[in-house]
Amino acid sequence: MAPFSLFSRDTGPVINTSGAADTWDWRKVAGDEDLILESWSQGFIVGALMLMGCITVVNMRRRVVLHKLIFLEQIMALSHGTFCFMSFSGYGWYLSSTAALLYLSYILHNVVAWLKVKPFFHGKSTIFKPKFVRWTTIIYSFSLACTVPPVLFQISDNFRFFNGELALPRVRLI
């Protein structure tokens, strides 16, 4: 999420890698254009997610878990759109925590997608054979499970990067 001006092709990231988490802030080295771009982009994300949340709430029905999962997914993603408006000593932890919720919302989105397409494969009106339905369920569940370790790795890297504990300071995390 940090602007491109923080990185130099020759020297790697221009950040504090000494381990002092409270002295590092990407906004100290960012220009006015970077801050304006970041705030506008996060504002659009927050606005779009709020609009989608309103539409989801209006369309909710009783005893329908799918609508509640969709709304939870949007709330989890919405929290990450607020990080650029914060400025305090725990900024790195706030940014990393909201990013973790965003990444977990990706997994929840995949579960919601499966719940939406599942009726086409299961039930009385399906045109597919039971063997095909079983393999489709197994393959989708396996592919969803394969996405969890990289997401957990990305969450861990975000906490280390935005709190001054970057293990490899010469690696470009873009």
N, C-alpha and C. Protein backbone atom coordinates (compact mmCIF):
# COMPACT_ATOMS: atom_id res chain seq x y z
N MET A 1 0.80 -1.20 0.00
CA MET A 1 0.00 0.00 0.00
C MET A 1 0.85 1.27 0.00
N ALA A 2 2.12 1.16 0.27
CA ALA A 2 2.97 2.33 0.31
C ALA A 2 3.22 2.84 -1.11
N PRO A 3 3.32 4.14 -1.28
CA PRO A 3 3.55 4.69 -2.62
C PRO A 3 4.89 4.27 -3.21
N PHE A 4 4.99 4.33 -4.53
CA PHE A 4 6.18 3.88 -5.23
C PHE A 4 7.41 4.73 -4.93
N SER A 5 7.23 5.97 -4.50
CA SER A 5 8.38 6.82 -4.27
C SER A 5 9.23 6.36 -3.09
N LEU A 6 8.73 5.41 -2.31
CA LEU A 6 9.51 4.89 -1.19
C LEU A 6 10.60 3.95 -1.65
N PHE A 7 10.55 3.52 -2.90
CA PHE A 7 11.48 2.52 -3.39
C PHE A 7 12.38 3.08 -4.47
N SER A 8 13.62 2.72 -4.39
CA SER A 8 14.59 3.09 -5.40
C SER A 8 15.08 1.81 -6.06
N ARG A 9 15.27 1.82 -7.35
CA ARG A 9 15.71 0.61 -8.05
C ARG A 9 17.11 0.18 -7.62
N ASP A 10 17.95 1.13 -7.25
CA ASP A 10 19.33 0.81 -6.93
C ASP A 10 19.54 0.44 -5.46
N THR A 11 18.87 1.11 -4.57
CA THR A 11 19.18 0.94 -3.16
C THR A 11 18.14 0.16 -2.38
N GLY A 12 17.01 -0.21 -2.98
CA GLY A 12 15.97 -0.91 -2.25
C GLY A 12 15.09 0.08 -1.52
N PRO A 13 14.33 -0.39 -0.55
CA PRO A 13 13.40 0.49 0.14
C PRO A 13 14.11 1.52 1.00
N VAL A 14 13.55 2.72 1.02
CA VAL A 14 14.11 3.80 1.81
C VAL A 14 13.34 3.84 3.12
N ILE A 15 13.61 2.88 4.00
CA ILE A 15 12.91 2.79 5.28
C ILE A 15 13.90 2.51 6.38
N ASN A 16 13.43 2.64 7.59
CA ASN A 16 14.23 2.34 8.76
C ASN A 16 14.16 0.83 9.00
N THR A 17 15.27 0.13 8.88
CA THR A 17 15.29 -1.31 9.12
C THR A 17 16.03 -1.65 10.41
N SER A 18 16.17 -0.68 11.28
CA SER A 18 16.89 -0.92 12.52
C SER A 18 16.04 -1.61 13.56
N GLY A 19 14.74 -1.78 13.30
CA GLY A 19 13.89 -2.45 14.26
C GLY A 19 13.09 -1.49 15.12
N ALA A 20 13.33 -0.21 15.02
CA ALA A 20 12.57 0.76 15.81
C ALA A 20 11.26 1.06 15.09
N ALA A 21 10.22 0.40 15.51
CA ALA A 21 8.94 0.49 14.80
C ALA A 21 8.28 1.85 14.95
N ASP A 22 8.50 2.54 16.07
CA ASP A 22 7.78 3.78 16.28
C ASP A 22 8.42 4.98 15.57
N THR A 23 9.57 4.80 14.92
CA THR A 23 10.19 5.92 14.23
C THR A 23 9.92 5.90 12.73
N TRP A 24 9.27 4.87 12.22
CA TRP A 24 9.08 4.74 10.78
C TRP A 24 7.67 5.13 10.38
N ASP A 25 7.55 5.95 9.36
CA ASP A 25 6.26 6.33 8.81
C ASP A 25 6.47 6.67 7.34
N TRP A 26 5.80 5.99 6.45
CA TRP A 26 6.00 6.21 5.02
C TRP A 26 5.58 7.61 4.61
N ARG A 27 4.72 8.24 5.40
CA ARG A 27 4.25 9.58 5.04
C ARG A 27 5.32 10.65 5.24
N LYS A 28 6.36 10.33 6.02
CA LYS A 28 7.43 11.31 6.23
C LYS A 28 8.26 11.51 4.96
N VAL A 29 8.36 10.47 4.14
CA VAL A 29 9.16 10.58 2.92
C VAL A 29 8.29 10.72 1.67
N ALA A 30 6.97 10.67 1.83
CA ALA A 30 6.06 10.78 0.68
C ALA A 30 5.83 12.25 0.35
N GLY A 31 5.64 12.50 -0.92
CA GLY A 31 5.33 13.85 -1.37
C GLY A 31 3.85 14.13 -1.28
N ASP A 32 3.49 15.38 -1.59
CA ASP A 32 2.09 15.77 -1.54
C ASP A 32 1.24 14.96 -2.51
N GLU A 33 1.79 14.68 -3.69
CA GLU A 33 1.04 13.92 -4.69
C GLU A 33 0.73 12.51 -4.18
N ASP A 34 1.68 11.89 -3.48
CA ASP A 34 1.47 10.55 -2.94
C ASP A 34 0.35 10.55 -1.90
N LEU A 35 0.35 11.54 -1.03
CA LEU A 35 -0.68 11.62 0.00
C LEU A 35 -2.05 11.88 -0.58
N ILE A 36 -2.12 12.76 -1.59
CA ILE A 36 -3.41 13.05 -2.24
C ILE A 36 -3.93 11.82 -2.95
N LEU A 37 -3.07 11.14 -3.68
CA LEU A 37 -3.48 9.93 -4.39
C LEU A 37 -3.96 8.86 -3.42
N GLU A 38 -3.23 8.67 -2.33
CA GLU A 38 -3.60 7.66 -1.35
C GLU A 38 -4.94 7.97 -0.70
N SER A 39 -5.15 9.22 -0.32
CA SER A 39 -6.40 9.57 0.36
C SER A 39 -7.60 9.48 -0.59
N TRP A 40 -7.44 9.90 -1.84
CA TRP A 40 -8.54 9.78 -2.80
C TRP A 40 -8.86 8.32 -3.08
N SER A 41 -7.83 7.50 -3.26
CA SER A 41 -8.09 6.09 -3.57
C SER A 41 -8.76 5.40 -2.39
N GLN A 42 -8.31 5.65 -1.17
CA GLN A 42 -8.95 5.03 -0.01
C GLN A 42 -10.36 5.58 0.19
N GLY A 43 -10.56 6.85 -0.11
CA GLY A 43 -11.91 7.43 -0.01
C GLY A 43 -12.88 6.77 -0.99
N PHE A 44 -12.42 6.52 -2.20
CA PHE A 44 -13.28 5.83 -3.17
C PHE A 44 -13.59 4.40 -2.73
N ILE A 45 -12.61 3.72 -2.17
CA ILE A 45 -12.83 2.35 -1.70
C ILE A 45 -13.87 2.35 -0.57
N VAL A 46 -13.71 3.25 0.39
CA VAL A 46 -14.65 3.32 1.50
C VAL A 46 -16.05 3.65 0.99
N GLY A 47 -16.15 4.61 0.10
CA GLY A 47 -17.45 4.99 -0.45
C GLY A 47 -18.12 3.85 -1.20
N ALA A 48 -17.36 3.15 -2.02
CA ALA A 48 -17.92 2.04 -2.79
C ALA A 48 -18.37 0.92 -1.87
N LEU A 49 -17.57 0.60 -0.86
CA LEU A 49 -17.96 -0.47 0.06
C LEU A 49 -19.16 -0.08 0.91
N MET A 50 -19.27 1.20 1.26
CA MET A 50 -20.45 1.64 2.00
C MET A 50 -21.71 1.54 1.14
N LEU A 51 -21.60 1.90 -0.12
CA LEU A 51 -22.72 1.78 -1.03
C LEU A 51 -23.14 0.32 -1.21
N MET A 52 -22.15 -0.56 -1.40
CA MET A 52 -22.46 -1.99 -1.53
C MET A 52 -23.05 -2.54 -0.23
N GLY A 53 -22.57 -2.06 0.91
CA GLY A 53 -23.13 -2.49 2.19
C GLY A 53 -24.58 -2.08 2.34
N CYS A 54 -24.91 -0.87 1.91
CA CYS A 54 -26.31 -0.41 1.96
C CYS A 54 -27.19 -1.28 1.07
N ILE A 55 -26.72 -1.58 -0.12
CA ILE A 55 -27.48 -2.44 -1.04
C ILE A 55 -27.66 -3.83 -0.44
N THR A 56 -26.63 -4.35 0.20
CA THR A 56 -26.71 -5.67 0.82
C THR A 56 -27.72 -5.67 1.96
N VAL A 57 -27.70 -4.64 2.80
CA VAL A 57 -28.64 -4.57 3.92
C VAL A 57 -30.08 -4.48 3.41
N VAL A 58 -30.30 -3.71 2.37
CA VAL A 58 -31.65 -3.58 1.81
C VAL A 58 -32.15 -4.92 1.27
N ASN A 59 -31.26 -5.72 0.70
CA ASN A 59 -31.67 -6.99 0.11
C ASN A 59 -31.63 -8.17 1.06
N MET A 60 -31.29 -7.96 2.33
CA MET A 60 -31.20 -9.06 3.29
C MET A 60 -32.57 -9.67 3.55
N ARG A 61 -32.54 -10.99 3.73
CA ARG A 61 -33.75 -11.73 4.10
C ARG A 61 -33.47 -12.51 5.37
N ARG A 62 -34.53 -12.84 6.08
CA ARG A 62 -34.37 -13.62 7.30
C ARG A 62 -33.89 -15.03 6.97
N ARG A 63 -33.08 -15.54 7.85
CA ARG A 63 -32.58 -16.93 7.78
C ARG A 63 -31.77 -17.21 6.52
N VAL A 64 -31.22 -16.19 5.88
CA VAL A 64 -30.36 -16.39 4.71
C VAL A 64 -28.94 -16.03 5.14
N VAL A 65 -28.12 -17.05 5.32
CA VAL A 65 -26.75 -16.85 5.81
C VAL A 65 -25.90 -16.15 4.76
N LEU A 66 -26.17 -16.37 3.49
CA LEU A 66 -25.36 -15.81 2.41
C LEU A 66 -25.30 -14.29 2.49
N HIS A 67 -26.44 -13.64 2.74
CA HIS A 67 -26.45 -12.18 2.83
C HIS A 67 -25.62 -11.68 4.01
N LYS A 68 -25.69 -12.39 5.09
CA LYS A 68 -24.91 -11.98 6.27
C LYS A 68 -23.41 -12.16 6.04
N LEU A 69 -23.03 -13.21 5.33
CA LEU A 69 -21.62 -13.42 5.00
C LEU A 69 -21.11 -12.35 4.04
N ILE A 70 -21.94 -11.98 3.08
CA ILE A 70 -21.56 -10.91 2.14
C ILE A 70 -21.36 -9.60 2.88
N PHE A 71 -22.26 -9.29 3.81
CA PHE A 71 -22.14 -8.05 4.59
C PHE A 71 -20.90 -8.09 5.48
N LEU A 72 -20.62 -9.24 6.10
CA LEU A 72 -19.41 -9.39 6.92
C LEU A 72 -18.16 -9.19 6.07
N GLU A 73 -18.15 -9.74 4.88
CA GLU A 73 -17.02 -9.56 3.97
C GLU A 73 -16.79 -8.08 3.65
N GLN A 74 -17.86 -7.35 3.42
CA GLN A 74 -17.73 -5.92 3.10
C GLN A 74 -17.25 -5.12 4.30
N ILE A 75 -17.71 -5.46 5.48
CA ILE A 75 -17.26 -4.76 6.70
C ILE A 75 -15.77 -5.01 6.94
N MET A 76 -15.33 -6.26 6.72
CA MET A 76 -13.92 -6.59 6.90
C MET A 76 -13.05 -5.80 5.91
N ALA A 77 -13.50 -5.67 4.68
CA ALA A 77 -12.73 -4.93 3.69
C ALA A 77 -12.80 -3.42 3.95
N LEU A 78 -13.92 -2.95 4.47
CA LEU A 78 -14.12 -1.52 4.71
C LEU A 78 -13.12 -0.97 5.72
N SER A 79 -12.77 -1.76 6.70
CA SER A 79 -11.86 -1.27 7.74
C SER A 79 -10.50 -0.87 7.17
N HIS A 80 -10.06 -1.53 6.10
CA HIS A 80 -8.74 -1.21 5.55
C HIS A 80 -8.73 0.13 4.82
N GLY A 81 -9.87 0.61 4.40
CA GLY A 81 -9.92 1.87 3.69
C GLY A 81 -9.73 3.09 4.57
N THR A 82 -9.58 2.89 5.87
CA THR A 82 -9.46 4.02 6.79
C THR A 82 -8.04 4.28 7.25
N PHE A 83 -7.08 3.44 6.86
CA PHE A 83 -5.74 3.55 7.44
C PHE A 83 -5.03 4.85 7.07
N CYS A 84 -5.25 5.38 5.89
CA CYS A 84 -4.48 6.56 5.48
C CYS A 84 -4.96 7.83 6.18
N PHE A 85 -6.08 7.76 6.88
CA PHE A 85 -6.59 8.92 7.60
C PHE A 85 -6.14 8.92 9.06
N MET A 86 -5.38 7.91 9.46
CA MET A 86 -4.93 7.79 10.85
C MET A 86 -3.48 8.27 10.98
N SER A 87 -3.17 8.83 12.14
CA SER A 87 -1.81 9.24 12.41
C SER A 87 -1.57 9.16 13.91
N PHE A 88 -0.94 8.08 14.35
CA PHE A 88 -0.61 7.90 15.76
C PHE A 88 0.54 6.91 15.85
N SER A 89 1.05 6.67 17.04
CA SER A 89 2.25 5.86 17.18
C SER A 89 2.02 4.39 16.82
N GLY A 90 0.81 3.90 16.92
CA GLY A 90 0.52 2.51 16.57
C GLY A 90 0.02 2.35 15.15
N TYR A 91 0.39 3.30 14.28
CA TYR A 91 -0.09 3.30 12.90
C TYR A 91 0.24 2.01 12.16
N GLY A 92 1.45 1.47 12.32
CA GLY A 92 1.85 0.25 11.65
C GLY A 92 0.99 -0.94 12.05
N TRP A 93 0.66 -1.00 13.33
CA TRP A 93 -0.20 -2.09 13.81
C TRP A 93 -1.62 -1.93 13.28
N TYR A 94 -2.11 -0.69 13.24
CA TYR A 94 -3.46 -0.45 12.72
C TYR A 94 -3.52 -0.83 11.24
N LEU A 95 -2.54 -0.38 10.48
CA LEU A 95 -2.50 -0.69 9.05
C LEU A 95 -2.41 -2.20 8.82
N SER A 96 -1.56 -2.87 9.56
CA SER A 96 -1.39 -4.31 9.40
C SER A 96 -2.63 -5.08 9.83
N SER A 97 -3.28 -4.63 10.88
CA SER A 97 -4.50 -5.32 11.35
C SER A 97 -5.64 -5.18 10.35
N THR A 98 -5.81 -3.98 9.81
CA THR A 98 -6.88 -3.81 8.82
C THR A 98 -6.55 -4.55 7.53
N ALA A 99 -5.26 -4.64 7.18
CA ALA A 99 -4.88 -5.42 6.00
C ALA A 99 -5.15 -6.90 6.23
N ALA A 100 -4.93 -7.37 7.46
CA ALA A 100 -5.23 -8.77 7.78
C ALA A 100 -6.71 -9.05 7.59
N LEU A 101 -7.56 -8.13 8.03
CA LEU A 101 -9.00 -8.30 7.81
C LEU A 101 -9.34 -8.29 6.32
N LEU A 102 -8.65 -7.46 5.56
CA LEU A 102 -8.88 -7.42 4.11
C LEU A 102 -8.51 -8.75 3.48
N TYR A 103 -7.37 -9.32 3.84
CA TYR A 103 -6.96 -10.60 3.28
C TYR A 103 -7.89 -11.73 3.71
N LEU A 104 -8.38 -11.68 4.94
CA LEU A 104 -9.33 -12.70 5.38
C LEU A 104 -10.67 -12.54 4.65
N SER A 105 -11.00 -11.31 4.26
CA SER A 105 -12.23 -11.13 3.49
C SER A 105 -12.10 -11.76 2.10
N TYR A 106 -10.88 -11.87 1.57
CA TYR A 106 -10.69 -12.57 0.29
C TYR A 106 -11.10 -14.04 0.42
N ILE A 107 -10.69 -14.67 1.53
CA ILE A 107 -11.05 -16.07 1.76
C ILE A 107 -12.57 -16.19 1.92
N LEU A 108 -13.14 -15.28 2.69
CA LEU A 108 -14.60 -15.30 2.87
C LEU A 108 -15.32 -15.08 1.54
N HIS A 109 -14.75 -14.26 0.68
CA HIS A 109 -15.33 -14.03 -0.64
C HIS A 109 -15.36 -15.32 -1.46
N ASN A 110 -14.32 -16.11 -1.37
CA ASN A 110 -14.29 -17.39 -2.08
C ASN A 110 -15.33 -18.36 -1.53
N VAL A 111 -15.55 -18.35 -0.23
CA VAL A 111 -16.58 -19.19 0.37
C VAL A 111 -17.96 -18.74 -0.11
N VAL A 112 -18.18 -17.43 -0.14
CA VAL A 112 -19.45 -16.89 -0.63
C VAL A 112 -19.66 -17.26 -2.10
N ALA A 113 -18.61 -17.19 -2.89
CA ALA A 113 -18.72 -17.56 -4.30
C ALA A 113 -19.13 -19.02 -4.45
N TRP A 114 -18.56 -19.90 -3.61
CA TRP A 114 -18.95 -21.31 -3.68
C TRP A 114 -20.41 -21.50 -3.26
N LEU A 115 -20.84 -20.78 -2.23
CA LEU A 115 -22.24 -20.89 -1.80
C LEU A 115 -23.19 -20.41 -2.90
N LYS A 116 -22.75 -19.46 -3.70
CA LYS A 116 -23.60 -18.96 -4.79
C LYS A 116 -23.71 -19.95 -5.95
N VAL A 117 -22.62 -20.63 -6.30
CA VAL A 117 -22.66 -21.54 -7.45
C VAL A 117 -23.01 -22.97 -7.07
N LYS A 118 -22.99 -23.28 -5.79
CA LYS A 118 -23.27 -24.63 -5.33
C LYS A 118 -24.64 -25.15 -5.79
N PRO A 119 -25.71 -24.35 -5.79
CA PRO A 119 -27.01 -24.87 -6.24
C PRO A 119 -27.00 -25.35 -7.70
N PHE A 120 -26.10 -24.86 -8.52
CA PHE A 120 -26.04 -25.32 -9.90
C PHE A 120 -25.44 -26.72 -10.01
N PHE A 121 -24.72 -27.13 -8.97
CA PHE A 121 -24.08 -28.45 -8.99
C PHE A 121 -24.79 -29.47 -8.11
N HIS A 122 -25.49 -29.03 -7.08
CA HIS A 122 -26.18 -29.93 -6.16
C HIS A 122 -27.68 -29.73 -6.29
N GLY A 123 -28.43 -30.73 -5.89
CA GLY A 123 -29.88 -30.59 -5.86
C GLY A 123 -30.57 -31.43 -6.92
N LYS A 124 -31.89 -31.28 -6.96
CA LYS A 124 -32.71 -32.10 -7.86
C LYS A 124 -32.63 -31.64 -9.31
N SER A 125 -32.44 -30.38 -9.54
CA SER A 125 -32.51 -29.86 -10.90
C SER A 125 -31.15 -29.79 -11.61
N THR A 126 -30.12 -30.35 -11.03
CA THR A 126 -28.80 -30.28 -11.65
C THR A 126 -28.73 -31.20 -12.88
N ILE A 127 -27.97 -30.79 -13.87
CA ILE A 127 -27.81 -31.60 -15.07
C ILE A 127 -26.52 -32.42 -15.03
N PHE A 128 -25.75 -32.24 -13.95
CA PHE A 128 -24.48 -32.93 -13.84
C PHE A 128 -24.63 -34.26 -13.11
N LYS A 129 -23.75 -35.18 -13.42
CA LYS A 129 -23.75 -36.47 -12.76
C LYS A 129 -23.17 -36.33 -11.35
N PRO A 130 -23.59 -37.18 -10.42
CA PRO A 130 -23.09 -37.07 -9.04
C PRO A 130 -21.57 -37.17 -8.92
N LYS A 131 -20.94 -37.97 -9.77
CA LYS A 131 -19.48 -38.09 -9.72
C LYS A 131 -18.82 -36.75 -10.07
N PHE A 132 -19.36 -36.05 -11.07
CA PHE A 132 -18.83 -34.74 -11.45
C PHE A 132 -19.02 -33.72 -10.33
N VAL A 133 -20.19 -33.78 -9.68
CA VAL A 133 -20.49 -32.86 -8.58
C VAL A 133 -19.51 -33.09 -7.43
N ARG A 134 -19.24 -34.33 -7.12
CA ARG A 134 -18.31 -34.65 -6.02
C ARG A 134 -16.92 -34.14 -6.32
N TRP A 135 -16.43 -34.38 -7.54
CA TRP A 135 -15.09 -33.91 -7.91
C TRP A 135 -15.01 -32.40 -7.97
N THR A 136 -16.07 -31.75 -8.41
CA THR A 136 -16.09 -30.29 -8.42
C THR A 136 -15.96 -29.74 -7.01
N THR A 137 -16.70 -30.33 -6.08
CA THR A 137 -16.63 -29.90 -4.68
C THR A 137 -15.24 -30.12 -4.11
N ILE A 138 -14.64 -31.25 -4.40
CA ILE A 138 -13.30 -31.57 -3.87
C ILE A 138 -12.27 -30.61 -4.45
N ILE A 139 -12.30 -30.39 -5.75
CA ILE A 139 -11.31 -29.51 -6.39
C ILE A 139 -11.46 -28.07 -5.90
N TYR A 140 -12.70 -27.59 -5.80
CA TYR A 140 -12.89 -26.21 -5.32
C TYR A 140 -12.44 -26.07 -3.88
N SER A 141 -12.80 -27.02 -3.03
CA SER A 141 -12.39 -26.96 -1.62
C SER A 141 -10.87 -27.02 -1.48
N PHE A 142 -10.22 -27.87 -2.29
CA PHE A 142 -8.77 -27.97 -2.25
C PHE A 142 -8.11 -26.66 -2.71
N SER A 143 -8.63 -26.07 -3.80
CA SER A 143 -8.04 -24.82 -4.28
C SER A 143 -8.24 -23.69 -3.28
N LEU A 144 -9.38 -23.69 -2.59
CA LEU A 144 -9.62 -22.69 -1.56
C LEU A 144 -8.66 -22.89 -0.38
N ALA A 145 -8.42 -24.14 0.00
CA ALA A 145 -7.49 -24.43 1.09
C ALA A 145 -6.05 -24.05 0.71
N CYS A 146 -5.71 -24.15 -0.58
CA CYS A 146 -4.36 -23.79 -1.03
C CYS A 146 -4.11 -22.29 -0.97
N THR A 147 -5.15 -21.48 -0.93
CA THR A 147 -4.96 -20.03 -0.86
C THR A 147 -4.69 -19.54 0.55
N VAL A 148 -4.97 -20.35 1.56
CA VAL A 148 -4.83 -19.91 2.94
C VAL A 148 -3.37 -19.68 3.34
N PRO A 149 -2.41 -20.59 3.07
CA PRO A 149 -1.02 -20.32 3.48
C PRO A 149 -0.42 -19.05 2.88
N PRO A 150 -0.59 -18.75 1.58
CA PRO A 150 -0.05 -17.47 1.09
C PRO A 150 -0.69 -16.25 1.74
N VAL A 151 -1.97 -16.34 2.07
CA VAL A 151 -2.64 -15.22 2.74
C VAL A 151 -2.05 -15.03 4.13
N LEU A 152 -1.84 -16.10 4.86
CA LEU A 152 -1.24 -15.99 6.19
C LEU A 152 0.19 -15.46 6.11
N PHE A 153 0.93 -15.88 5.09
CA PHE A 153 2.29 -15.37 4.87
C PHE A 153 2.26 -13.87 4.58
N GLN A 154 1.32 -13.43 3.76
CA GLN A 154 1.20 -12.00 3.44
C GLN A 154 0.82 -11.19 4.68
N ILE A 155 -0.05 -11.72 5.50
CA ILE A 155 -0.41 -11.03 6.75
C ILE A 155 0.82 -10.87 7.63
N SER A 156 1.61 -11.93 7.76
CA SER A 156 2.83 -11.88 8.56
C SER A 156 3.82 -10.85 7.99
N ASP A 157 3.99 -10.87 6.67
CA ASP A 157 4.90 -9.90 6.05
C ASP A 157 4.43 -8.46 6.24
N ASN A 158 3.14 -8.22 6.18
CA ASN A 158 2.64 -6.86 6.41
C ASN A 158 2.96 -6.39 7.82
N PHE A 159 2.76 -7.24 8.81
CA PHE A 159 3.08 -6.85 10.17
C PHE A 159 4.57 -6.54 10.32
N ARG A 160 5.42 -7.36 9.71
CA ARG A 160 6.87 -7.11 9.81
C ARG A 160 7.27 -5.85 9.05
N PHE A 161 6.76 -5.66 7.85
CA PHE A 161 7.17 -4.53 7.02
C PHE A 161 6.73 -3.20 7.62
N PHE A 162 5.47 -3.10 8.03
CA PHE A 162 4.95 -1.82 8.50
C PHE A 162 5.26 -1.54 9.96
N ASN A 163 5.96 -2.45 10.62
CA ASN A 163 6.38 -2.20 11.99
C ASN A 163 7.89 -2.21 12.13
N GLY A 164 8.60 -2.01 11.03
CA GLY A 164 10.04 -1.84 11.07
C GLY A 164 10.84 -3.11 11.30
N GLU A 165 10.28 -4.27 11.07
CA GLU A 165 10.99 -5.53 11.31
C GLU A 165 11.20 -6.30 10.01
N LEU A 166 11.50 -5.60 8.96
CA LEU A 166 11.67 -6.24 7.66
C LEU A 166 12.91 -7.12 7.67
N ALA A 167 12.73 -8.39 7.33
CA ALA A 167 13.83 -9.34 7.40
C ALA A 167 14.84 -9.13 6.27
N LEU A 168 14.37 -8.83 5.08
CA LEU A 168 15.23 -8.65 3.92
C LEU A 168 15.07 -7.23 3.39
N PRO A 169 15.87 -6.28 3.81
CA PRO A 169 15.65 -4.88 3.42
C PRO A 169 15.91 -4.62 1.95
N ARG A 170 16.54 -5.53 1.21
CA ARG A 170 16.81 -5.30 -0.20
C ARG A 170 15.72 -5.85 -1.11
N VAL A 171 14.71 -6.47 -0.54
CA VAL A 171 13.63 -7.06 -1.34
C VAL A 171 12.56 -6.00 -1.57
N ARG A 172 12.14 -5.88 -2.82
CA ARG A 172 11.04 -4.95 -3.14
C ARG A 172 9.73 -5.68 -2.95
N LEU A 173 8.89 -5.18 -2.08
CA LEU A 173 7.63 -5.85 -1.74
C LEU A 173 6.47 -5.35 -2.59
N ILE A 174 6.70 -5.10 -3.83
CA ILE A 174 5.63 -4.59 -4.70
C ILE A 174 5.17 -5.68 -5.62
